[in-house]
C-alpha atoms as a PDB file:
ATOM      1  CA  MET A   1      81.714  77.201 112.948  1.00  0.00           C
ATOM      2  CA  THR A   2      83.501  79.610 110.630  1.00  0.00           C
ATOM      3  CA  ILE A   3      85.348  82.812 111.403  1.00  0.00           C
ATOM      4  CA  GLY A   4      82.975  85.700 111.975  1.00  0.00           C
ATOM      5  CA  GLN A   5      80.237  83.517 113.455  1.00  0.00           C
ATOM      6  CA  ARG A   6      79.711  83.410 117.200  1.00  0.00           C
ATOM      7  CA  ARG A   7      78.192  81.084 119.724  1.00  0.00           C
ATOM      8  CA  ALA A   8      75.933  82.278 122.492  1.00  0.00           C
ATOM      9  CA  ALA A   9      77.573  82.895 125.849  1.00  0.00           C
ATOM     10  CA  PRO A  10      77.376  79.800 128.102  1.00  0.00           C
ATOM     11  CA  SER A  11      74.159  79.732 130.106  1.00  0.00           C
ATOM     12  CA  GLY A  12      74.548  80.407 133.782  1.00  0.00           C
ATOM     13  CA  ARG A  13      77.800  82.358 133.358  1.00  0.00           C
ATOM     14  CA  ARG A  14      77.770  85.464 135.509  1.00  0.00           C
ATOM     15  CA  ALA A  15      78.782  88.480 133.493  1.00  0.00           C
ATOM     16  CA  LEU A  16      81.984  89.956 134.914  1.00  0.00           C
ATOM     17  CA  ALA A  17      82.033  93.714 134.718  1.00  0.00           C
ATOM     18  CA  ARG A  18      85.801  94.228 134.798  1.00  0.00           C
ATOM     19  CA  ILE A  19      89.109  92.403 134.600  1.00  0.00           C
ATOM     20  CA  GLU A  20      91.769  94.734 135.979  1.00  0.00           C
ATOM     21  CA  VAL A  21      95.397  94.017 136.800  1.00  0.00           C
ATOM     22  CA  ASP A  22      98.273  96.095 138.139  1.00  0.00           C
ATOM     23  CA  TYR A  23     101.495  94.795 136.668  1.00  0.00           C
ATOM     24  CA  ALA A  24     103.721  97.290 138.474  1.00  0.00           C
ATOM     25  CA  ASN A  25     102.454  96.421 141.973  1.00  0.00           C
ATOM     26  CA  ASP A  26     101.387  92.801 141.549  1.00  0.00           C
ATOM     27  CA  PRO A  27     103.062  91.183 138.526  1.00  0.00           C
ATOM     28  CA  ASP A  28     102.394  87.647 139.755  1.00  0.00           C
ATOM     29  CA  ARG A  29      98.628  88.164 139.850  1.00  0.00           C
ATOM     30  CA  CYS A  30      98.768  89.936 136.507  1.00  0.00           C
ATOM     31  CA  LEU A  31     100.521  87.027 134.806  1.00  0.00           C
ATOM     32  CA  ALA A  32      98.190  84.542 136.504  1.00  0.00           C
ATOM     33  CA  VAL A  33      95.112  86.385 135.192  1.00  0.00           C
ATOM     34  CA  ILE A  34      96.565  86.441 131.668  1.00  0.00           C
ATOM     35  CA  ALA A  35      97.385  82.722 131.896  1.00  0.00           C
ATOM     36  CA  SER A  36      93.844  81.941 133.018  1.00  0.00           C
ATOM     37  CA  LEU A  37      92.352  83.967 130.164  1.00  0.00           C
ATOM     38  CA  MET A  38      94.642  82.225 127.696  1.00  0.00           C
ATOM     39  CA  ASN A  39      93.495  78.806 128.896  1.00  0.00           C
ATOM     40  CA  GLU A  40      89.904  79.926 128.320  1.00  0.00           C
ATOM     41  CA  TYR A  41      90.738  81.370 124.920  1.00  0.00           C
ATOM     42  CA  GLU A  42      92.409  78.172 123.723  1.00  0.00           C
ATOM     43  CA  GLU A  43      89.278  76.245 124.712  1.00  0.00           C
ATOM     44  CA  TYR A  44      87.198  78.868 122.911  1.00  0.00           C
ATOM     45  CA  VAL A  45      89.240  78.428 119.716  1.00  0.00           C
ATOM     46  CA  SER A  46      88.832  74.663 119.887  1.00  0.00           C
ATOM     47  CA  ALA A  47      85.067  75.015 120.257  1.00  0.00           C
ATOM     48  CA  GLN A  48      84.490  77.907 117.842  1.00  0.00           C
ATOM     49  CA  HIS A  49      86.832  76.965 115.032  1.00  0.00           C
ATOM     50  CA  ALA A  50      86.886  73.190 115.183  1.00  0.00           C
ATOM     51  CA  ILE A  51      86.038  72.873 111.481  1.00  0.00           C
ATOM     52  CA  CYS A  52      88.585  75.397 110.206  1.00  0.00           C
ATOM     53  CA  ARG A  53      91.934  73.953 111.231  1.00  0.00           C
ATOM     54  CA  GLY A  54      94.699  75.888 109.553  1.00  0.00           C
ATOM     55  CA  CYS A  55      92.656  79.118 109.474  1.00  0.00           C
ATOM     56  CA  PRO A  56      94.179  82.386 110.780  1.00  0.00           C
ATOM     57  CA  VAL A  57      92.774  81.992 114.290  1.00  0.00           C
ATOM     58  CA  ASP A  58      93.968  78.398 114.541  1.00  0.00           C
ATOM     59  CA  ARG A  59      97.425  79.390 113.315  1.00  0.00           C
ATOM     60  CA  ALA A  60      97.993  82.592 115.222  1.00  0.00           C
ATOM     61  CA  GLY A  61      95.088  83.362 117.574  1.00  0.00           C
ATOM     62  CA  PRO A  62      96.727  82.357 120.881  1.00  0.00           C
ATOM     63  CA  PHE A  63      99.919  84.252 120.060  1.00  0.00           C
ATOM     64  CA  ILE A  64      98.127  87.478 119.067  1.00  0.00           C
ATOM     65  CA  VAL A  65      95.675  87.348 121.975  1.00  0.00           C
ATOM     66  CA  HIS A  66      98.478  86.759 124.484  1.00  0.00           C
ATOM     67  CA  SER A  67     100.396  89.668 122.964  1.00  0.00           C
ATOM     68  CA  MET A  68      97.340  91.950 123.192  1.00  0.00           C
ATOM     69  CA  LEU A  69      96.708  91.051 126.833  1.00  0.00           C
ATOM     70  CA  GLU A  70     100.361  91.581 127.770  1.00  0.00           C
ATOM     71  CA  TRP A  71     100.376  94.947 126.024  1.00  0.00           C
ATOM     72  CA  LYS A  72      97.216  96.075 127.861  1.00  0.00           C
ATOM     73  CA  ALA A  73      98.576  94.850 131.202  1.00  0.00           C
ATOM     74  CA  ILE A  74     102.150  96.111 130.990  1.00  0.00           C
ATOM     75  CA  TYR A  75     101.983  99.146 128.694  1.00  0.00           C
ATOM     76  CA  GLY A  76      98.294 100.013 128.832  1.00  0.00           C
ATOM     77  CA  ASP A  77      95.825 100.730 131.613  1.00  0.00           C
ATOM     78  CA  GLY A  78      95.542  97.180 132.973  1.00  0.00           C
ATOM     79  CA  ARG A  79      91.836  96.929 132.114  1.00  0.00           C
ATOM     80  CA  LEU A  80      92.016  93.676 130.159  1.00  0.00           C
ATOM     81  CA  GLY A  81      88.336  93.689 129.225  1.00  0.00           C
ATOM     82  CA  HIS A  82      88.067  97.370 128.318  1.00  0.00           C
ATOM     83  CA  TRP A  83      88.987  98.105 124.698  1.00  0.00           C
ATOM     84  CA  THR A  84      88.540 101.068 122.401  1.00  0.00           C
ATOM     85  CA  ARG A  85      89.368 101.508 118.748  1.00  0.00           C
ATOM     86  CA  ASP A  86      92.249 103.726 119.851  1.00  0.00           C
ATOM     87  CA  ASP A  87      93.574 100.889 122.033  1.00  0.00           C
ATOM     88  CA  ILE A  88      93.573  98.529 119.074  1.00  0.00           C
ATOM     89  CA  GLY A  89      95.214 101.204 116.944  1.00  0.00           C
ATOM     90  CA  ARG A  90      97.998 101.707 119.480  1.00  0.00           C
ATOM     91  CA  TYR A  91      98.570  97.963 119.680  1.00  0.00           C
ATOM     92  CA  LEU A  92      98.632  97.417 115.904  1.00  0.00           C
ATOM     93  CA  LEU A  93     100.413 100.573 114.773  1.00  0.00           C
ATOM     94  CA  ASP A  94     102.817 101.201 117.637  1.00  0.00           C
ATOM     95  CA  HIS A  95     103.401  98.222 119.921  1.00  0.00           C
ATOM     96  CA  PHE A  96     103.324  95.473 117.294  1.00  0.00           C
ATOM     97  CA  PRO A  97     105.825  97.118 114.904  1.00  0.00           C
ATOM     98  CA  ARG A  98     108.070  98.089 117.814  1.00  0.00           C
ATOM     99  CA  LYS A  99     108.078  94.829 119.771  1.00  0.00           C
ATOM    100  CA  VAL A 100     106.814  91.902 117.688  1.00  0.00           C
ATOM    101  CA  SER A 101     108.845  90.110 115.029  1.00  0.00           C
ATOM    102  CA  ALA A 102     106.421  88.606 112.535  1.00  0.00           C
ATOM    103  CA  ASP A 103     106.588  86.890 109.169  1.00  0.00           C
ATOM    104  CA  ARG A 104     104.253  87.693 106.287  1.00  0.00           C
ATOM    105  CA  GLN A 105     101.705  85.028 107.264  1.00  0.00           C
ATOM    106  CA  LEU A 106     101.408  86.234 110.849  1.00  0.00           C
ATOM    107  CA  ARG A 107     100.916  89.816 109.722  1.00  0.00           C
ATOM    108  CA  ARG A 108      98.117  88.713 107.381  1.00  0.00           C
ATOM    109  CA  ASP A 109      96.453  86.721 110.155  1.00  0.00           C
ATOM    110  CA  THR A 110      96.581  89.446 112.800  1.00  0.00           C
ATOM    111  CA  PRO A 111      93.365  91.424 111.994  1.00  0.00           C
ATOM    112  CA  THR A 112      91.298  88.227 112.041  1.00  0.00           C
ATOM    113  CA  CYS A 113      92.798  87.271 115.406  1.00  0.00           C
ATOM    114  CA  VAL A 114      92.015  90.720 116.805  1.00  0.00           C
ATOM    115  CA  ARG A 115      88.401  90.265 115.684  1.00  0.00           C
ATOM    116  CA  ASP A 116      88.243  86.840 117.331  1.00  0.00           C
ATOM    117  CA  PHE A 117      89.648  88.208 120.604  1.00  0.00           C
ATOM    118  CA  VAL A 118      86.905  90.854 120.676  1.00  0.00           C
ATOM    119  CA  TYR A 119      84.231  88.180 120.167  1.00  0.00           C
ATOM    120  CA  PHE A 120      85.799  86.025 122.887  1.00  0.00           C
ATOM    121  CA  MET A 121      85.708  88.833 125.440  1.00  0.00           C
ATOM    122  CA  SER A 122      82.147  89.706 124.444  1.00  0.00           C
ATOM    123  CA  ASP A 123      80.939  86.115 124.689  1.00  0.00           C
ATOM    124  CA  ARG A 124      82.348  85.690 128.198  1.00  0.00           C
ATOM    125  CA  GLY A 125      80.631  88.891 129.323  1.00  0.00           C
ATOM    126  CA  THR A 126      83.779  90.919 129.972  1.00  0.00           C
ATOM    127  CA  LEU A 127      83.975  93.286 126.999  1.00  0.00           C
ATOM    128  CA  ALA A 128      83.649  96.996 127.768  1.00  0.00           C
ATOM    129  CA  GLY A 129      84.605 100.157 125.909  1.00  0.00           C
ATOM    130  CA  ASP A 130      83.609 100.851 122.319  1.00  0.00           C
ATOM    131  CA  GLU A 131      80.760  99.038 120.559  1.00  0.00           C
ATOM    132  CA  LEU A 132      81.399  95.426 119.567  1.00  0.00           C
ATOM    133  CA  ASP A 133      81.162  96.034 115.817  1.00  0.00           C
ATOM    134  CA  VAL A 134      83.538  99.006 116.022  1.00  0.00           C
ATOM    135  CA  LEU A 135      86.145  96.881 117.783  1.00  0.00           C
ATOM    136  CA  ALA A 136      85.599  93.845 115.567  1.00  0.00           C
ATOM    137  CA  ASP A 137      86.163  95.868 112.380  1.00  0.00           C
ATOM    138  CA  ALA A 138      89.128  97.881 113.665  1.00  0.00           C
ATOM    139  CA  GLY A 139      91.789  95.397 112.571  1.00  0.00           C
ATOM    140  CA  ASP A 140      90.404  95.253 109.022  1.00  0.00           C
ATOM    141  CA  GLU A 141      90.152  99.019 108.783  1.00  0.00           C
ATOM    142  CA  LEU A 142      93.720  99.549 110.009  1.00  0.00           C
ATOM    143  CA  PHE A 143      95.227  96.704 107.976  1.00  0.00           C
ATOM    144  CA  ASP A 144      96.996  98.803 105.338  1.00  0.00           C
ATOM    145  CA  GLU A 145      98.462 101.116 107.980  1.00  0.00           C
ATOM    146  CA  PHE A 146      99.446  98.063 110.028  1.00  0.00           C
ATOM    147  CA  LEU A 147     101.413  96.557 107.143  1.00  0.00           C
ATOM    148  CA  ALA A 148     103.132  99.858 106.411  1.00  0.00           C
ATOM    149  CA  ALA A 149     104.050 100.406 110.062  1.00  0.00           C
ATOM    150  CA  ASN A 150     105.609  96.948 110.303  1.00  0.00           C
ATOM    151  CA  LYS A 151     107.685  97.406 107.162  1.00  0.00           C
ATOM    152  CA  ASP A 152     109.095 100.748 108.302  1.00  0.00           C
ATOM    153  CA  ARG A 153     112.311  99.918 110.161  1.00  0.00           C
ATOM    154  CA  ARG A 154     112.189 103.263 111.938  1.00  0.00           C
ATOM    155  CA  ASN A 155     109.316 101.842 114.027  1.00  0.00           C
ATOM    156  CA  TRP A 156     111.348  98.912 115.336  1.00  0.00           C
ATOM    157  CA  GLY A 157     112.442  99.017 118.960  1.00  0.00           C
ATOM    158  CA  LEU A 158     116.060  98.466 119.956  1.00  0.00           C
ATOM    159  CA  ALA A 159     115.478  94.920 121.180  1.00  0.00           C
ATOM    160  CA  LYS A 160     113.770  93.975 117.930  1.00  0.00           C
ATOM    161  CA  ARG A 161     116.646  95.433 115.919  1.00  0.00           C
ATOM    162  CA  VAL A 162     119.185  93.472 117.952  1.00  0.00           C
ATOM    163  CA  LEU A 163     117.224  90.221 117.739  1.00  0.00           C
ATOM    164  CA  ARG A 164     116.792  90.707 114.011  1.00  0.00           C
ATOM    165  CA  GLY A 165     120.539  90.875 113.667  1.00  0.00           C
ATOM    166  CA  GLY A 166     120.875  94.288 112.019  1.00  0.00           C
ATOM    167  CA  ALA A 167     117.698  95.941 110.788  1.00  0.00           C
ATOM    168  CA  ALA A 168     119.372  97.814 107.951  1.00  0.00           C
ATOM    169  CA  PHE A 169     119.944  94.600 106.013  1.00  0.00           C
ATOM    170  CA  ILE A 170     116.696  92.734 106.614  1.00  0.00           C
ATOM    171  CA  ASP A 171     113.755  92.321 104.294  1.00  0.00           C
ATOM    172  CA  LEU A 172     110.618  91.981 106.425  1.00  0.00           C
ATOM    173  CA  ASP A 173     109.033  89.867 103.697  1.00  0.00           C
ATOM    174  CA  ASP A 174     111.834  87.302 103.893  1.00  0.00           C
ATOM    175  CA  ASP A 175     110.412  84.607 106.161  1.00  0.00           C
ATOM    176  CA  ARG A 176     113.894  83.403 107.118  1.00  0.00           C
ATOM    177  CA  TYR A 177     114.110  86.288 109.574  1.00  0.00           C
ATOM    178  CA  VAL A 178     111.288  85.360 111.914  1.00  0.00           C
ATOM    179  CA  ASP A 179     112.354  85.975 115.501  1.00  0.00           C
ATOM    180  CA  LEU A 180     112.174  82.536 117.103  1.00  0.00           C
ATOM    181  CA  ALA A 181     112.022  84.096 120.556  1.00  0.00           C
ATOM    182  CA  THR A 182     108.783  85.830 119.645  1.00  0.00           C
ATOM    183  CA  PHE A 183     106.918  83.467 117.368  1.00  0.00           C
ATOM    184  CA  PRO A 184     107.562  79.947 116.040  1.00  0.00           C
ATOM    185  CA  PRO A 185     108.597  79.685 112.390  1.00  0.00           C
ATOM    186  CA  ALA A 186     105.865  79.385 109.801  1.00  0.00           C
ATOM    187  CA  SER A 187     105.593  76.195 107.820  1.00  0.00           C
ATOM    188  CA  PRO A 188     107.494  76.250 104.499  1.00  0.00           C
ATOM    189  CA  ASP A 189     104.277  76.465 102.513  1.00  0.00           C
ATOM    190  CA  PRO A 190     101.602  77.934 104.807  1.00  0.00           C
ATOM    191  CA  ALA A 191      98.022  77.395 103.754  1.00  0.00           C
ATOM    192  CA  PRO A 192      96.348  80.555 102.443  1.00  0.00           C
ATOM    193  CA  PRO A 193      94.062  82.193 105.008  1.00  0.00           C
ATOM    194  CA  THR A 194      90.393  81.337 104.706  1.00  0.00           C
ATOM    195  CA  TYR A 195      89.504  84.888 105.665  1.00  0.00           C
ATOM    196  CA  ARG A 196      91.791  87.530 104.246  1.00  0.00           C
ATOM    197  CA  THR A 197      91.606  91.139 105.282  1.00  0.00           C
ATOM    198  CA  GLY A 198      93.051  94.402 104.130  1.00  0.00           C
ATOM    199  CA  SER A 199      94.168  95.556 100.714  1.00  0.00           C
ATOM    200  CA  GLY A 200      92.955  94.258  97.378  1.00  0.00           C
ATOM    201  CA  THR A 201      91.018  95.278  94.309  1.00  0.00           C
ATOM    202  CA  PRO A 202      87.882  97.431  94.661  1.00  0.00           C
ATOM    203  CA  ALA A 203      85.787  94.324  93.924  1.00  0.00           C
ATOM    204  CA  GLU A 204      87.540  92.398  96.709  1.00  0.00           C
ATOM    205  CA  ARG A 205      87.023  95.275  99.141  1.00  0.00           C
ATOM    206  CA  ALA A 206      83.328  95.473  98.252  1.00  0.00           C
ATOM    207  CA  LYS A 207      82.976  91.718  98.725  1.00  0.00           C
ATOM    208  CA  ARG A 208      84.614  91.890 102.162  1.00  0.00           C
ATOM    209  CA  LYS A 209      82.379  94.792 103.189  1.00  0.00           C
ATOM    210  CA  ALA A 210      79.280  92.838 102.146  1.00  0.00           C
ATOM    211  CA  ALA A 211      80.510  89.828 104.124  1.00  0.00           C
ATOM    212  CA  ARG A 212      81.049  91.955 107.252  1.00  0.00           C
ATOM    213  CA  THR A 213      77.545  93.399 106.890  1.00  0.00           C
ATOM    214  CA  ALA A 214      76.083  89.895 106.627  1.00  0.00           C
ATOM    215  CA  ARG A 215      77.971  88.790 109.744  1.00  0.00           C
ATOM    216  CA  LYS A 216      76.646  91.758 111.674  1.00  0.00           C
ATOM    217  CA  ARG A 217      73.063  90.795 110.735  1.00  0.00           C
ATOM    218  CA  ASN A 218      73.724  87.209 111.817  1.00  0.00           C
ATOM    219  CA  ARG A 219      74.958  88.335 115.218  1.00  0.00           C
ATOM    220  CA  ARG A 220      71.813  90.264 116.037  1.00  0.00           C
END
């Protein structure tokens, strides 16, 4: 199954209306819920993307999804299944640049992983908030702003600056400076993503828009 396609939710699964955690008052339960969701998501990736090893979701999906869940639990409202376009915007344009050290490949993969997370939560019956298609397209639509926010050193938090070893002298597009405490190093010659989002020529943008429209029809 390729990226953008979805399986039907497992038969007999009871739809769960909410997944809420309170990190401040019960951090142990919060981390346990995130760990349980991550186990499910890794199984989901294996089932959904078995034929696209090396694709963005296979490379970076578990890292991005874990990061999104931690952000929602610790910095957000704790409603792990409730997402709006504004939530995704705050994660991509504020939290990610401030907290996450990422090489070029991971930054390219991130919008696709956000889309896959939205489908995962929808398929398990725990997605609430904005409409599915709005959430699924948010990463693509914010991609240019996301890249710009991550390149602007003024957006980096103190911890990220320290771990980077002096932000004033670092080129974010130099893959030698991946923060090993945040994300494992990319392979020397990473395979190009099978589904690329974001900037490009007008023809490439039109082609991506047509592909998203086709996927929406297929999901109905």
